[in-house]
Amino acid sequence: MSAASSVIQPSRYEDSPELLVAGVNRTYTMENRGGIPQQWDEFAPRLGTIPGQVGRNAYGVCWNFTPDFGFDYLTGIEIYGNELPPDFTTVSLPAGRYAVFTHDGPISTFPKTISAIWSDWAPTVTDIAHGSPCFERYTAEFDPATGRGTEVWVPLISPA
């Protein structure tokens, strides 16, 4: 197998409409991003109880990137309306084309999937919409033991 063929590849490409995601937002650096699982532990009990929730998917949105590799991470759900808890932040995920990666394995190995996408795949492509939010989508089938139902969506530049 050549080195190029061993690089992680998207499971599919998908066009997505604009999504409005709301939830709990925190700021991280590469050094303290290990706190994200605790953020999910705190947010998970609220799933299904938020006014205006659309569907059953949950989202982890990486956005608001800084030059020193800092970023905001929002644990949230798709919403409509604006009657939200006071501690919630909203992020608009732009309509457009996304490379979608399916995580394979228990959620404890999810950081390896993220690393493979950004360290191995991303440097090989030229159409990533850098600076746009990327997100994790946890479907209704999400199972932390198997990782089933976990996807990573990377925004791509739309052709002119």
N, C-alpha and C. Protein backbone atom coordinates (compact mmCIF):
# COMPACT_ATOMS: atom_id res chain seq x y z
N MET A 1 0.85 -1.18 0.00
CA MET A 1 0.00 0.00 0.00
C MET A 1 0.89 1.24 0.00
N SER A 2 0.64 2.17 -0.88
CA SER A 2 1.45 3.39 -0.93
C SER A 2 1.06 4.31 0.21
N ALA A 3 1.96 5.23 0.51
CA ALA A 3 1.69 6.16 1.61
C ALA A 3 0.44 6.98 1.33
N ALA A 4 0.24 7.39 0.07
CA ALA A 4 -0.93 8.20 -0.26
C ALA A 4 -2.23 7.44 -0.03
N SER A 5 -2.23 6.13 -0.31
CA SER A 5 -3.47 5.38 -0.15
C SER A 5 -3.76 5.05 1.31
N SER A 6 -2.77 5.23 2.20
CA SER A 6 -3.01 4.94 3.61
C SER A 6 -3.56 6.15 4.37
N VAL A 7 -3.61 7.30 3.70
CA VAL A 7 -4.16 8.51 4.33
C VAL A 7 -5.66 8.35 4.48
N ILE A 8 -6.19 8.74 5.64
CA ILE A 8 -7.64 8.68 5.88
C ILE A 8 -8.35 9.44 4.76
N GLN A 9 -9.48 8.92 4.33
CA GLN A 9 -10.26 9.54 3.26
C GLN A 9 -11.70 9.75 3.74
N PRO A 10 -12.38 10.78 3.18
CA PRO A 10 -13.79 10.96 3.54
C PRO A 10 -14.61 9.75 3.13
N SER A 11 -15.63 9.44 3.92
CA SER A 11 -16.53 8.35 3.55
C SER A 11 -17.50 8.82 2.47
N ARG A 12 -17.71 10.16 2.41
CA ARG A 12 -18.59 10.73 1.38
C ARG A 12 -18.41 12.25 1.37
N TYR A 13 -18.97 12.85 0.34
CA TYR A 13 -19.07 14.30 0.25
C TYR A 13 -20.55 14.63 0.25
N GLU A 14 -20.93 15.68 0.98
CA GLU A 14 -22.34 15.98 1.11
C GLU A 14 -22.58 17.48 1.10
N ASP A 15 -23.67 17.88 0.43
CA ASP A 15 -24.11 19.26 0.47
C ASP A 15 -25.07 19.39 1.65
N SER A 16 -24.85 20.41 2.46
CA SER A 16 -25.68 20.61 3.64
C SER A 16 -26.34 21.98 3.58
N PRO A 17 -27.60 22.07 4.01
CA PRO A 17 -28.20 23.39 4.14
C PRO A 17 -27.58 24.09 5.35
N GLU A 18 -27.84 25.38 5.48
CA GLU A 18 -27.40 26.10 6.67
C GLU A 18 -28.07 25.50 7.90
N LEU A 19 -27.30 25.34 8.97
CA LEU A 19 -27.83 24.81 10.23
C LEU A 19 -27.56 25.82 11.34
N LEU A 20 -28.52 26.00 12.22
CA LEU A 20 -28.31 26.83 13.40
C LEU A 20 -28.17 25.89 14.59
N VAL A 21 -27.00 25.94 15.22
CA VAL A 21 -26.70 25.06 16.34
C VAL A 21 -26.56 25.91 17.60
N ALA A 22 -27.15 25.44 18.68
CA ALA A 22 -27.09 26.17 19.95
C ALA A 22 -26.66 25.21 21.06
N GLY A 23 -25.89 25.74 21.98
CA GLY A 23 -25.45 24.92 23.10
C GLY A 23 -24.46 25.65 23.98
N VAL A 24 -23.69 24.86 24.71
CA VAL A 24 -22.71 25.38 25.65
C VAL A 24 -21.37 25.54 24.94
N ASN A 25 -20.79 26.71 25.04
CA ASN A 25 -19.55 27.04 24.34
C ASN A 25 -18.42 27.27 25.34
N ARG A 26 -17.24 26.74 25.00
CA ARG A 26 -16.03 26.98 25.80
C ARG A 26 -14.86 27.19 24.86
N THR A 27 -13.84 27.88 25.36
CA THR A 27 -12.64 28.15 24.58
C THR A 27 -11.54 27.18 25.00
N TYR A 28 -10.81 26.67 23.99
CA TYR A 28 -9.73 25.70 24.22
C TYR A 28 -8.48 26.10 23.45
N THR A 29 -7.39 25.48 23.87
CA THR A 29 -6.14 25.51 23.13
C THR A 29 -5.79 24.06 22.83
N MET A 30 -4.75 23.85 22.06
CA MET A 30 -4.34 22.47 21.79
C MET A 30 -3.91 21.78 23.10
N GLU A 31 -3.42 22.55 24.05
CA GLU A 31 -2.95 21.98 25.31
C GLU A 31 -4.08 21.55 26.24
N ASN A 32 -5.21 22.26 26.24
CA ASN A 32 -6.28 21.93 27.19
C ASN A 32 -7.52 21.32 26.54
N ARG A 33 -7.43 20.94 25.28
CA ARG A 33 -8.60 20.38 24.59
C ARG A 33 -9.05 19.05 25.19
N GLY A 34 -8.27 18.47 26.05
CA GLY A 34 -8.67 17.25 26.76
C GLY A 34 -9.89 17.46 27.64
N GLY A 35 -10.30 18.71 27.85
CA GLY A 35 -11.49 19.02 28.63
C GLY A 35 -12.80 18.86 27.86
N ILE A 36 -12.73 18.61 26.56
CA ILE A 36 -13.94 18.49 25.75
C ILE A 36 -14.83 17.33 26.21
N PRO A 37 -14.31 16.16 26.52
CA PRO A 37 -15.21 15.09 27.00
C PRO A 37 -16.00 15.49 28.26
N GLN A 38 -15.39 16.24 29.16
CA GLN A 38 -16.11 16.70 30.36
C GLN A 38 -17.22 17.67 29.96
N GLN A 39 -16.98 18.50 28.95
CA GLN A 39 -18.01 19.41 28.46
C GLN A 39 -19.21 18.60 27.95
N TRP A 40 -18.94 17.49 27.24
CA TRP A 40 -20.03 16.62 26.76
C TRP A 40 -20.75 15.97 27.94
N ASP A 41 -20.01 15.53 28.94
CA ASP A 41 -20.64 14.91 30.11
C ASP A 41 -21.62 15.87 30.78
N GLU A 42 -21.27 17.16 30.81
CA GLU A 42 -22.13 18.16 31.43
C GLU A 42 -23.33 18.51 30.54
N PHE A 43 -23.13 18.47 29.21
CA PHE A 43 -24.19 18.86 28.29
C PHE A 43 -25.19 17.73 28.01
N ALA A 44 -24.73 16.50 27.97
CA ALA A 44 -25.55 15.36 27.55
C ALA A 44 -26.90 15.26 28.29
N PRO A 45 -26.98 15.49 29.59
CA PRO A 45 -28.29 15.38 30.25
C PRO A 45 -29.34 16.37 29.73
N ARG A 46 -28.91 17.41 29.04
CA ARG A 46 -29.84 18.42 28.54
C ARG A 46 -30.43 18.03 27.18
N LEU A 47 -29.83 17.04 26.52
CA LEU A 47 -30.32 16.64 25.19
C LEU A 47 -31.78 16.21 25.28
N GLY A 48 -32.57 16.69 24.33
CA GLY A 48 -33.99 16.36 24.30
C GLY A 48 -34.86 17.24 25.18
N THR A 49 -34.25 18.18 25.91
CA THR A 49 -35.02 19.04 26.82
C THR A 49 -34.99 20.50 26.40
N ILE A 50 -34.32 20.80 25.29
CA ILE A 50 -34.09 22.18 24.88
C ILE A 50 -35.20 22.65 23.95
N PRO A 51 -35.86 23.77 24.27
CA PRO A 51 -36.93 24.27 23.40
C PRO A 51 -36.41 24.54 21.98
N GLY A 52 -37.19 24.14 20.99
CA GLY A 52 -36.83 24.39 19.61
C GLY A 52 -35.85 23.41 19.01
N GLN A 53 -35.55 22.32 19.73
CA GLN A 53 -34.60 21.34 19.20
C GLN A 53 -35.16 20.69 17.94
N VAL A 54 -34.30 20.59 16.91
CA VAL A 54 -34.67 19.95 15.65
C VAL A 54 -33.98 18.59 15.60
N GLY A 55 -34.75 17.54 15.43
CA GLY A 55 -34.16 16.21 15.30
C GLY A 55 -33.49 15.71 16.57
N ARG A 56 -32.71 14.65 16.39
CA ARG A 56 -32.06 14.01 17.54
C ARG A 56 -30.54 14.03 17.46
N ASN A 57 -29.98 14.70 16.45
CA ASN A 57 -28.53 14.77 16.33
C ASN A 57 -27.96 15.74 17.34
N ALA A 58 -26.76 15.45 17.81
CA ALA A 58 -26.00 16.38 18.65
C ALA A 58 -24.77 16.80 17.84
N TYR A 59 -24.25 17.98 18.15
CA TYR A 59 -23.14 18.53 17.39
C TYR A 59 -22.04 19.01 18.31
N GLY A 60 -20.81 18.81 17.88
CA GLY A 60 -19.64 19.40 18.49
C GLY A 60 -19.03 20.31 17.44
N VAL A 61 -19.11 21.62 17.64
CA VAL A 61 -18.69 22.58 16.62
C VAL A 61 -17.38 23.24 17.03
N CYS A 62 -16.38 23.14 16.15
CA CYS A 62 -15.11 23.86 16.33
C CYS A 62 -15.18 25.12 15.50
N TRP A 63 -15.00 26.26 16.14
CA TRP A 63 -15.15 27.53 15.44
C TRP A 63 -14.37 28.62 16.17
N ASN A 64 -14.41 29.83 15.63
CA ASN A 64 -13.78 30.98 16.26
C ASN A 64 -12.29 30.71 16.48
N PHE A 65 -11.62 30.27 15.42
CA PHE A 65 -10.21 29.90 15.49
C PHE A 65 -9.32 31.13 15.68
N THR A 66 -8.22 30.96 16.43
CA THR A 66 -7.26 32.04 16.63
C THR A 66 -5.92 31.64 16.02
N PRO A 67 -5.07 32.63 15.71
CA PRO A 67 -3.78 32.32 15.08
C PRO A 67 -2.88 31.41 15.92
N ASP A 68 -3.07 31.40 17.24
CA ASP A 68 -2.23 30.56 18.10
C ASP A 68 -2.84 29.18 18.33
N PHE A 69 -3.70 28.73 17.41
CA PHE A 69 -4.34 27.42 17.44
C PHE A 69 -5.38 27.26 18.55
N GLY A 70 -5.90 28.36 19.03
CA GLY A 70 -7.01 28.32 19.96
C GLY A 70 -8.31 28.18 19.16
N PHE A 71 -9.37 27.78 19.82
CA PHE A 71 -10.66 27.63 19.16
C PHE A 71 -11.76 27.53 20.22
N ASP A 72 -12.96 27.82 19.78
CA ASP A 72 -14.14 27.60 20.62
C ASP A 72 -14.74 26.26 20.23
N TYR A 73 -15.32 25.59 21.22
CA TYR A 73 -15.98 24.31 20.97
C TYR A 73 -17.37 24.39 21.59
N LEU A 74 -18.37 24.16 20.77
CA LEU A 74 -19.75 24.24 21.22
C LEU A 74 -20.37 22.84 21.20
N THR A 75 -20.87 22.39 22.34
CA THR A 75 -21.65 21.16 22.41
C THR A 75 -23.10 21.58 22.26
N GLY A 76 -23.78 21.09 21.22
CA GLY A 76 -25.11 21.60 20.99
C GLY A 76 -26.00 20.74 20.13
N ILE A 77 -27.12 21.35 19.77
CA ILE A 77 -28.15 20.70 18.95
C ILE A 77 -28.63 21.70 17.91
N GLU A 78 -29.21 21.19 16.83
CA GLU A 78 -29.81 22.08 15.85
C GLU A 78 -31.10 22.63 16.45
N ILE A 79 -31.34 23.92 16.22
CA ILE A 79 -32.53 24.56 16.79
C ILE A 79 -33.23 25.42 15.74
N TYR A 80 -34.47 25.73 16.06
CA TYR A 80 -35.20 26.80 15.37
C TYR A 80 -35.79 27.64 16.49
N GLY A 81 -36.00 28.91 16.23
CA GLY A 81 -36.53 29.79 17.27
C GLY A 81 -35.41 30.38 18.10
N ASN A 82 -35.79 31.11 19.12
CA ASN A 82 -34.77 31.78 19.93
C ASN A 82 -35.03 31.72 21.43
N GLU A 83 -35.88 30.84 21.89
CA GLU A 83 -36.12 30.70 23.32
C GLU A 83 -35.15 29.67 23.89
N LEU A 84 -33.96 30.15 24.20
CA LEU A 84 -32.89 29.25 24.63
C LEU A 84 -32.49 29.53 26.08
N PRO A 85 -31.89 28.55 26.73
CA PRO A 85 -31.35 28.80 28.07
C PRO A 85 -30.33 29.94 28.02
N PRO A 86 -30.21 30.70 29.10
CA PRO A 86 -29.32 31.88 29.09
C PRO A 86 -27.84 31.55 28.90
N ASP A 87 -27.42 30.32 29.21
CA ASP A 87 -26.02 29.98 29.07
C ASP A 87 -25.67 29.43 27.67
N PHE A 88 -26.61 29.51 26.74
CA PHE A 88 -26.38 28.97 25.40
C PHE A 88 -25.82 30.02 24.45
N THR A 89 -25.02 29.54 23.52
CA THR A 89 -24.46 30.32 22.42
C THR A 89 -24.98 29.69 21.14
N THR A 90 -25.18 30.49 20.10
CA THR A 90 -25.58 29.93 18.81
C THR A 90 -24.47 30.13 17.79
N VAL A 91 -24.36 29.15 16.88
CA VAL A 91 -23.41 29.20 15.78
C VAL A 91 -24.16 28.78 14.52
N SER A 92 -23.95 29.53 13.45
CA SER A 92 -24.54 29.18 12.16
C SER A 92 -23.51 28.39 11.37
N LEU A 93 -23.89 27.18 10.96
CA LEU A 93 -23.03 26.37 10.10
C LEU A 93 -23.46 26.65 8.67
N PRO A 94 -22.55 27.22 7.87
CA PRO A 94 -22.93 27.65 6.53
C PRO A 94 -23.38 26.50 5.63
N ALA A 95 -24.32 26.81 4.75
CA ALA A 95 -24.70 25.85 3.70
C ALA A 95 -23.47 25.63 2.83
N GLY A 96 -23.33 24.44 2.32
CA GLY A 96 -22.21 24.19 1.42
C GLY A 96 -21.83 22.73 1.35
N ARG A 97 -20.71 22.49 0.72
CA ARG A 97 -20.18 21.14 0.50
C ARG A 97 -19.23 20.79 1.64
N TYR A 98 -19.35 19.56 2.11
CA TYR A 98 -18.52 19.08 3.21
C TYR A 98 -17.92 17.72 2.87
N ALA A 99 -16.69 17.51 3.32
CA ALA A 99 -16.10 16.17 3.32
C ALA A 99 -16.53 15.55 4.64
N VAL A 100 -17.13 14.36 4.58
CA VAL A 100 -17.67 13.72 5.78
C VAL A 100 -16.84 12.47 6.08
N PHE A 101 -16.31 12.40 7.28
CA PHE A 101 -15.53 11.27 7.74
C PHE A 101 -16.33 10.51 8.78
N THR A 102 -16.39 9.20 8.66
CA THR A 102 -17.09 8.37 9.64
C THR A 102 -16.05 7.81 10.59
N HIS A 103 -16.25 8.04 11.88
CA HIS A 103 -15.34 7.49 12.89
C HIS A 103 -15.64 6.01 13.06
N ASP A 104 -14.59 5.22 13.09
CA ASP A 104 -14.72 3.77 13.24
C ASP A 104 -13.98 3.34 14.49
N GLY A 105 -14.73 2.96 15.51
CA GLY A 105 -14.11 2.52 16.77
C GLY A 105 -14.74 3.22 17.95
N PRO A 106 -14.36 2.82 19.16
CA PRO A 106 -14.95 3.43 20.36
C PRO A 106 -14.63 4.91 20.42
N ILE A 107 -15.47 5.65 21.08
CA ILE A 107 -15.30 7.11 21.15
C ILE A 107 -13.97 7.46 21.82
N SER A 108 -13.42 6.57 22.63
CA SER A 108 -12.12 6.85 23.26
C SER A 108 -11.01 7.00 22.23
N THR A 109 -11.20 6.46 21.01
CA THR A 109 -10.19 6.60 19.96
C THR A 109 -10.51 7.75 18.99
N PHE A 110 -11.54 8.51 19.28
CA PHE A 110 -11.94 9.62 18.42
C PHE A 110 -10.81 10.63 18.20
N PRO A 111 -10.01 10.97 19.21
CA PRO A 111 -8.90 11.91 18.97
C PRO A 111 -7.94 11.43 17.87
N LYS A 112 -7.78 10.13 17.71
CA LYS A 112 -6.91 9.62 16.63
C LYS A 112 -7.53 9.91 15.27
N THR A 113 -8.85 9.80 15.16
CA THR A 113 -9.52 10.13 13.90
C THR A 113 -9.34 11.60 13.58
N ILE A 114 -9.55 12.46 14.57
CA ILE A 114 -9.38 13.91 14.37
C ILE A 114 -7.95 14.21 13.93
N SER A 115 -6.99 13.61 14.61
CA SER A 115 -5.58 13.83 14.26
C SER A 115 -5.28 13.37 12.83
N ALA A 116 -5.82 12.22 12.44
CA ALA A 116 -5.58 11.71 11.08
C ALA A 116 -6.17 12.65 10.03
N ILE A 117 -7.34 13.20 10.30
CA ILE A 117 -7.96 14.14 9.35
C ILE A 117 -7.08 15.37 9.18
N TRP A 118 -6.68 15.99 10.28
CA TRP A 118 -5.97 17.26 10.19
C TRP A 118 -4.47 17.12 9.94
N SER A 119 -3.87 16.02 10.35
CA SER A 119 -2.43 15.84 10.14
C SER A 119 -2.10 15.10 8.84
N ASP A 120 -2.97 14.19 8.41
CA ASP A 120 -2.68 13.36 7.24
C ASP A 120 -3.47 13.78 6.01
N TRP A 121 -4.80 13.91 6.14
CA TRP A 121 -5.64 14.21 4.97
C TRP A 121 -5.60 15.68 4.59
N ALA A 122 -5.83 16.58 5.54
CA ALA A 122 -5.96 18.01 5.25
C ALA A 122 -4.78 18.59 4.46
N PRO A 123 -3.54 18.22 4.79
CA PRO A 123 -2.43 18.79 4.01
C PRO A 123 -2.40 18.33 2.55
N THR A 124 -3.18 17.31 2.20
CA THR A 124 -3.16 16.78 0.84
C THR A 124 -4.24 17.38 -0.05
N VAL A 125 -5.10 18.25 0.49
CA VAL A 125 -6.19 18.82 -0.30
C VAL A 125 -6.09 20.35 -0.29
N THR A 126 -6.67 20.97 -1.32
CA THR A 126 -6.56 22.42 -1.45
C THR A 126 -7.89 23.13 -1.29
N ASP A 127 -8.97 22.38 -1.13
CA ASP A 127 -10.28 23.03 -1.11
C ASP A 127 -10.97 23.08 0.25
N ILE A 128 -10.18 23.01 1.34
CA ILE A 128 -10.76 23.15 2.68
C ILE A 128 -11.07 24.63 2.91
N ALA A 129 -12.23 24.93 3.43
CA ALA A 129 -12.62 26.31 3.75
C ALA A 129 -12.07 26.65 5.13
N HIS A 130 -10.77 26.92 5.19
CA HIS A 130 -10.12 27.23 6.47
C HIS A 130 -10.80 28.43 7.11
N GLY A 131 -11.00 28.36 8.42
CA GLY A 131 -11.65 29.44 9.15
C GLY A 131 -13.15 29.23 9.32
N SER A 132 -13.75 28.41 8.47
CA SER A 132 -15.17 28.09 8.62
C SER A 132 -15.33 27.03 9.69
N PRO A 133 -16.47 27.02 10.38
CA PRO A 133 -16.66 25.99 11.40
C PRO A 133 -16.63 24.59 10.80
N CYS A 134 -15.98 23.69 11.48
CA CYS A 134 -16.10 22.26 11.16
C CYS A 134 -16.84 21.66 12.35
N PHE A 135 -17.43 20.49 12.13
CA PHE A 135 -18.22 19.96 13.23
C PHE A 135 -18.26 18.45 13.25
N GLU A 136 -18.55 17.97 14.45
CA GLU A 136 -18.82 16.54 14.67
C GLU A 136 -20.33 16.41 14.73
N ARG A 137 -20.83 15.35 14.12
CA ARG A 137 -22.27 15.09 14.22
C ARG A 137 -22.43 13.72 14.86
N TYR A 138 -23.20 13.69 15.94
CA TYR A 138 -23.51 12.46 16.65
C TYR A 138 -24.98 12.15 16.37
N THR A 139 -25.22 11.12 15.57
CA THR A 139 -26.58 10.81 15.16
C THR A 139 -27.35 10.13 16.28
N ALA A 140 -28.63 9.90 16.05
CA ALA A 140 -29.48 9.21 17.03
C ALA A 140 -28.95 7.81 17.33
N GLU A 141 -28.15 7.24 16.41
CA GLU A 141 -27.59 5.90 16.60
C GLU A 141 -26.28 5.93 17.39
N PHE A 142 -25.86 7.10 17.86
CA PHE A 142 -24.58 7.22 18.55
C PHE A 142 -24.47 6.23 19.71
N ASP A 143 -23.33 5.55 19.74
CA ASP A 143 -23.03 4.59 20.80
C ASP A 143 -21.58 4.84 21.22
N PRO A 144 -21.33 5.34 22.44
CA PRO A 144 -19.96 5.64 22.85
C PRO A 144 -19.05 4.41 22.89
N ALA A 145 -19.60 3.23 23.12
CA ALA A 145 -18.77 2.02 23.18
C ALA A 145 -18.23 1.65 21.80
N THR A 146 -19.07 1.74 20.78
CA THR A 146 -18.64 1.35 19.44
C THR A 146 -18.23 2.53 18.58
N GLY A 147 -18.62 3.74 18.96
CA GLY A 147 -18.36 4.92 18.15
C GLY A 147 -19.35 5.08 17.01
N ARG A 148 -20.24 4.11 16.85
CA ARG A 148 -21.23 4.16 15.78
C ARG A 148 -22.03 5.47 15.87
N GLY A 149 -22.29 6.05 14.70
CA GLY A 149 -23.08 7.28 14.68
C GLY A 149 -22.25 8.54 14.86
N THR A 150 -20.92 8.46 14.67
CA THR A 150 -20.03 9.61 14.85
C THR A 150 -19.42 10.00 13.51
N GLU A 151 -19.60 11.27 13.15
CA GLU A 151 -19.06 11.78 11.89
C GLU A 151 -18.34 13.10 12.13
N VAL A 152 -17.38 13.40 11.26
CA VAL A 152 -16.69 14.69 11.26
C VAL A 152 -16.95 15.33 9.91
N TRP A 153 -17.45 16.56 9.91
CA TRP A 153 -17.78 17.30 8.69
C TRP A 153 -16.78 18.45 8.54
N VAL A 154 -16.03 18.43 7.43
CA VAL A 154 -15.03 19.46 7.14
C VAL A 154 -15.55 20.29 5.97
N PRO A 155 -15.68 21.63 6.15
CA PRO A 155 -16.22 22.47 5.08
C PRO A 155 -15.24 22.63 3.92
N LEU A 156 -15.78 22.62 2.72
CA LEU A 156 -14.96 22.77 1.52
C LEU A 156 -15.33 24.07 0.81
N ILE A 157 -14.37 24.58 0.06
CA ILE A 157 -14.61 25.78 -0.74
C ILE A 157 -15.49 25.38 -1.91
N SER A 158 -16.56 26.11 -2.11
CA SER A 158 -17.46 25.83 -3.24
C SER A 158 -16.82 26.38 -4.51
N PRO A 159 -16.92 25.60 -5.61
CA PRO A 159 -16.37 26.11 -6.87
C PRO A 159 -17.12 27.38 -7.30
N ALA A 160 -16.40 28.29 -7.90
CA ALA A 160 -17.02 29.56 -8.33
C ALA A 160 -17.93 29.37 -9.52
